[in-house]
Amino acid sequence: MKFGVYRKIQASGRGKGTGIGKLYQFLLLARDHDDKKEEIVVYIPLRIEPEWAGTLRPCFIPRSDFERMFEYVDEGLPEKL
């Protein structure tokens, strides 16, 4: 996976499609601790939401879901958001 900024392009199917069109910073790949050894993507939404009490919220999902739901933008923020 490329390190950098991604844009969410598809809903997970579990919610209402929150965050579509928003930007996210890919942080790292991790491995699930169970027997599957599935790769997990850890990422941070590049925004602060009021319900987060002004803090950053690292998130994680399986790599296969991340690759389906997000598209690579660039190593940094795009000039035009």
N, C-alpha and C. Protein backbone atom coordinates (compact mmCIF):
# COMPACT_ATOMS: atom_id res chain seq x y z
N MET A 1 0.84 -1.20 0.00
CA MET A 1 0.00 0.00 0.00
C MET A 1 0.87 1.24 0.00
N LYS A 2 0.36 2.27 -0.64
CA LYS A 2 1.08 3.55 -0.65
C LYS A 2 0.79 4.32 0.62
N PHE A 3 1.83 4.89 1.23
CA PHE A 3 1.65 5.75 2.38
C PHE A 3 1.15 7.10 1.89
N GLY A 4 0.17 7.68 2.58
CA GLY A 4 -0.32 9.00 2.21
C GLY A 4 -1.78 9.19 2.53
N VAL A 5 -2.39 10.06 1.75
CA VAL A 5 -3.77 10.49 1.95
C VAL A 5 -4.68 9.72 0.99
N TYR A 6 -5.82 9.30 1.52
CA TYR A 6 -6.84 8.58 0.75
C TYR A 6 -8.18 9.29 0.89
N ARG A 7 -9.04 9.10 -0.10
CA ARG A 7 -10.41 9.63 -0.07
C ARG A 7 -11.36 8.44 -0.02
N LYS A 8 -12.36 8.55 0.85
CA LYS A 8 -13.36 7.49 0.94
C LYS A 8 -14.32 7.62 -0.23
N ILE A 9 -14.52 6.52 -0.95
CA ILE A 9 -15.37 6.56 -2.15
C ILE A 9 -16.58 5.64 -2.05
N GLN A 10 -16.63 4.81 -1.01
CA GLN A 10 -17.71 3.84 -0.92
C GLN A 10 -18.04 3.57 0.54
N ALA A 11 -19.31 3.34 0.82
CA ALA A 11 -19.75 3.01 2.17
C ALA A 11 -19.38 1.58 2.52
N SER A 12 -19.29 1.31 3.79
CA SER A 12 -18.93 -0.03 4.25
C SER A 12 -20.07 -1.02 4.10
N GLY A 13 -21.29 -0.53 4.02
CA GLY A 13 -22.45 -1.41 3.98
C GLY A 13 -23.06 -1.61 5.35
N ARG A 14 -22.33 -1.16 6.40
CA ARG A 14 -22.83 -1.31 7.77
C ARG A 14 -23.50 -0.04 8.28
N GLY A 15 -23.20 1.07 7.64
CA GLY A 15 -23.73 2.34 8.12
C GLY A 15 -24.42 3.11 7.02
N LYS A 16 -24.47 4.42 7.19
CA LYS A 16 -25.14 5.29 6.24
C LYS A 16 -24.19 5.89 5.21
N GLY A 17 -22.97 5.41 5.15
CA GLY A 17 -22.01 5.98 4.20
C GLY A 17 -21.29 7.18 4.75
N THR A 18 -21.15 7.27 6.05
CA THR A 18 -20.48 8.38 6.69
C THR A 18 -19.06 8.53 6.17
N GLY A 19 -18.68 9.75 5.86
CA GLY A 19 -17.32 10.05 5.46
C GLY A 19 -17.02 9.95 3.98
N ILE A 20 -18.00 9.62 3.17
CA ILE A 20 -17.74 9.52 1.73
C ILE A 20 -17.30 10.90 1.22
N GLY A 21 -16.21 10.90 0.45
CA GLY A 21 -15.65 12.14 -0.07
C GLY A 21 -14.65 12.80 0.86
N LYS A 22 -14.56 12.36 2.09
CA LYS A 22 -13.63 12.93 3.08
C LYS A 22 -12.25 12.31 2.93
N LEU A 23 -11.25 13.00 3.49
CA LEU A 23 -9.86 12.56 3.39
C LEU A 23 -9.41 11.86 4.67
N TYR A 24 -8.49 10.91 4.49
CA TYR A 24 -7.98 10.09 5.59
C TYR A 24 -6.49 9.85 5.39
N GLN A 25 -5.75 9.81 6.48
CA GLN A 25 -4.31 9.53 6.44
C GLN A 25 -4.07 8.07 6.79
N PHE A 26 -3.47 7.33 5.85
CA PHE A 26 -3.08 5.95 6.12
C PHE A 26 -1.88 5.99 7.05
N LEU A 27 -1.94 5.25 8.16
CA LEU A 27 -0.85 5.23 9.13
C LEU A 27 0.03 4.00 9.02
N LEU A 28 -0.59 2.81 9.07
CA LEU A 28 0.21 1.60 9.08
C LEU A 28 -0.65 0.38 8.84
N LEU A 29 0.04 -0.71 8.53
CA LEU A 29 -0.61 -2.01 8.43
C LEU A 29 -0.31 -2.77 9.72
N ALA A 30 -1.31 -3.47 10.22
CA ALA A 30 -1.15 -4.30 11.41
C ALA A 30 -1.70 -5.68 11.07
N ARG A 31 -1.42 -6.62 11.92
CA ARG A 31 -1.96 -7.97 11.73
C ARG A 31 -2.98 -8.25 12.81
N ASP A 32 -4.07 -8.90 12.41
CA ASP A 32 -5.08 -9.33 13.37
C ASP A 32 -4.44 -10.36 14.30
N HIS A 33 -4.86 -10.38 15.53
CA HIS A 33 -4.24 -11.27 16.52
C HIS A 33 -4.82 -12.68 16.51
N ASP A 34 -5.82 -12.92 15.69
CA ASP A 34 -6.40 -14.27 15.67
C ASP A 34 -5.64 -15.17 14.69
N ASP A 35 -6.13 -16.35 14.48
CA ASP A 35 -5.43 -17.32 13.63
C ASP A 35 -5.40 -16.95 12.15
N LYS A 36 -6.28 -16.06 11.71
CA LYS A 36 -6.33 -15.69 10.29
C LYS A 36 -5.13 -14.87 9.85
N LYS A 37 -4.56 -14.10 10.75
CA LYS A 37 -3.45 -13.20 10.43
C LYS A 37 -3.82 -12.20 9.34
N GLU A 38 -5.05 -11.74 9.38
CA GLU A 38 -5.55 -10.78 8.40
C GLU A 38 -4.85 -9.43 8.58
N GLU A 39 -4.51 -8.78 7.47
CA GLU A 39 -3.91 -7.45 7.57
C GLU A 39 -5.00 -6.42 7.86
N ILE A 40 -4.68 -5.50 8.76
CA ILE A 40 -5.59 -4.44 9.19
C ILE A 40 -4.94 -3.10 8.85
N VAL A 41 -5.72 -2.18 8.29
CA VAL A 41 -5.25 -0.83 8.01
C VAL A 41 -5.64 0.07 9.18
N VAL A 42 -4.66 0.83 9.67
CA VAL A 42 -4.92 1.83 10.71
C VAL A 42 -4.81 3.19 10.02
N TYR A 43 -5.83 4.03 10.20
CA TYR A 43 -5.88 5.32 9.52
C TYR A 43 -6.54 6.36 10.42
N ILE A 44 -6.36 7.63 10.06
CA ILE A 44 -6.93 8.74 10.84
C ILE A 44 -7.75 9.62 9.92
N PRO A 45 -9.01 9.91 10.28
CA PRO A 45 -9.78 10.89 9.53
C PRO A 45 -9.10 12.26 9.63
N LEU A 46 -8.97 12.97 8.53
CA LEU A 46 -8.32 14.28 8.53
C LEU A 46 -9.34 15.38 8.78
N ARG A 47 -10.01 15.25 9.90
CA ARG A 47 -10.98 16.25 10.35
C ARG A 47 -11.26 15.99 11.82
N ILE A 48 -11.81 16.97 12.47
CA ILE A 48 -12.21 16.84 13.87
C ILE A 48 -13.73 16.98 13.92
N GLU A 49 -14.39 16.02 14.50
CA GLU A 49 -15.84 16.06 14.64
C GLU A 49 -16.20 16.44 16.07
N PRO A 50 -17.26 17.23 16.28
CA PRO A 50 -17.65 17.65 17.62
C PRO A 50 -17.84 16.48 18.60
N GLU A 51 -18.42 15.39 18.11
CA GLU A 51 -18.67 14.26 19.01
C GLU A 51 -17.39 13.55 19.43
N TRP A 52 -16.27 13.87 18.79
CA TRP A 52 -14.98 13.28 19.18
C TRP A 52 -14.31 14.10 20.28
N ALA A 53 -14.95 15.13 20.76
CA ALA A 53 -14.44 15.99 21.84
C ALA A 53 -13.09 16.61 21.48
N GLY A 54 -12.93 16.99 20.22
CA GLY A 54 -11.73 17.69 19.79
C GLY A 54 -10.49 16.83 19.68
N THR A 55 -10.63 15.53 19.61
CA THR A 55 -9.47 14.65 19.52
C THR A 55 -9.43 13.93 18.18
N LEU A 56 -8.25 13.46 17.80
CA LEU A 56 -8.12 12.60 16.63
C LEU A 56 -8.60 11.21 17.00
N ARG A 57 -9.16 10.52 16.06
CA ARG A 57 -9.68 9.18 16.30
C ARG A 57 -9.08 8.18 15.33
N PRO A 58 -8.00 7.48 15.72
CA PRO A 58 -7.49 6.42 14.85
C PRO A 58 -8.58 5.36 14.63
N CYS A 59 -8.64 4.86 13.42
CA CYS A 59 -9.64 3.85 13.05
C CYS A 59 -8.91 2.66 12.44
N PHE A 60 -9.58 1.52 12.37
CA PHE A 60 -8.98 0.37 11.72
C PHE A 60 -10.05 -0.48 11.06
N ILE A 61 -9.70 -1.05 9.90
CA ILE A 61 -10.57 -1.96 9.17
C ILE A 61 -9.69 -2.96 8.43
N PRO A 62 -10.25 -4.09 8.01
CA PRO A 62 -9.47 -5.03 7.22
C PRO A 62 -8.94 -4.37 5.94
N ARG A 63 -7.73 -4.75 5.55
CA ARG A 63 -7.11 -4.17 4.36
C ARG A 63 -7.99 -4.33 3.13
N SER A 64 -8.62 -5.48 2.97
CA SER A 64 -9.47 -5.70 1.78
C SER A 64 -10.62 -4.69 1.73
N ASP A 65 -11.21 -4.35 2.88
CA ASP A 65 -12.27 -3.34 2.91
C ASP A 65 -11.72 -1.96 2.60
N PHE A 66 -10.56 -1.63 3.18
CA PHE A 66 -9.96 -0.32 2.93
C PHE A 66 -9.67 -0.15 1.44
N GLU A 67 -9.09 -1.17 0.81
CA GLU A 67 -8.76 -1.07 -0.61
C GLU A 67 -9.99 -0.94 -1.49
N ARG A 68 -11.11 -1.47 -1.05
CA ARG A 68 -12.37 -1.37 -1.80
C ARG A 68 -13.04 -0.01 -1.59
N MET A 69 -12.92 0.54 -0.41
CA MET A 69 -13.69 1.72 -0.03
C MET A 69 -12.94 3.05 -0.15
N PHE A 70 -11.62 3.01 -0.35
CA PHE A 70 -10.81 4.23 -0.38
C PHE A 70 -9.95 4.26 -1.64
N GLU A 71 -9.69 5.49 -2.14
CA GLU A 71 -8.79 5.65 -3.27
C GLU A 71 -7.62 6.53 -2.84
N TYR A 72 -6.45 6.20 -3.36
CA TYR A 72 -5.24 6.96 -3.06
C TYR A 72 -5.33 8.34 -3.69
N VAL A 73 -4.95 9.38 -2.93
CA VAL A 73 -4.95 10.76 -3.43
C VAL A 73 -3.53 11.21 -3.71
N ASP A 74 -2.68 11.20 -2.69
CA ASP A 74 -1.30 11.67 -2.83
C ASP A 74 -0.57 11.44 -1.51
N GLU A 75 0.73 11.77 -1.49
CA GLU A 75 1.49 11.65 -0.25
C GLU A 75 1.05 12.70 0.77
N GLY A 76 0.53 13.82 0.30
CA GLY A 76 0.07 14.89 1.18
C GLY A 76 -1.33 15.33 0.79
N LEU A 77 -1.78 16.36 1.45
CA LEU A 77 -3.11 16.88 1.14
C LEU A 77 -3.15 17.47 -0.26
N PRO A 78 -4.25 17.28 -0.98
CA PRO A 78 -4.36 17.88 -2.30
C PRO A 78 -4.46 19.41 -2.19
N GLU A 79 -4.05 20.10 -3.26
CA GLU A 79 -4.13 21.56 -3.23
C GLU A 79 -5.57 22.05 -3.11
N LYS A 80 -6.48 21.38 -3.79
CA LYS A 80 -7.89 21.75 -3.72
C LYS A 80 -8.63 20.66 -3.00
N LEU A 81 -9.25 21.02 -1.90
CA LEU A 81 -10.02 20.04 -1.13
C LEU A 81 -11.41 20.01 -1.67
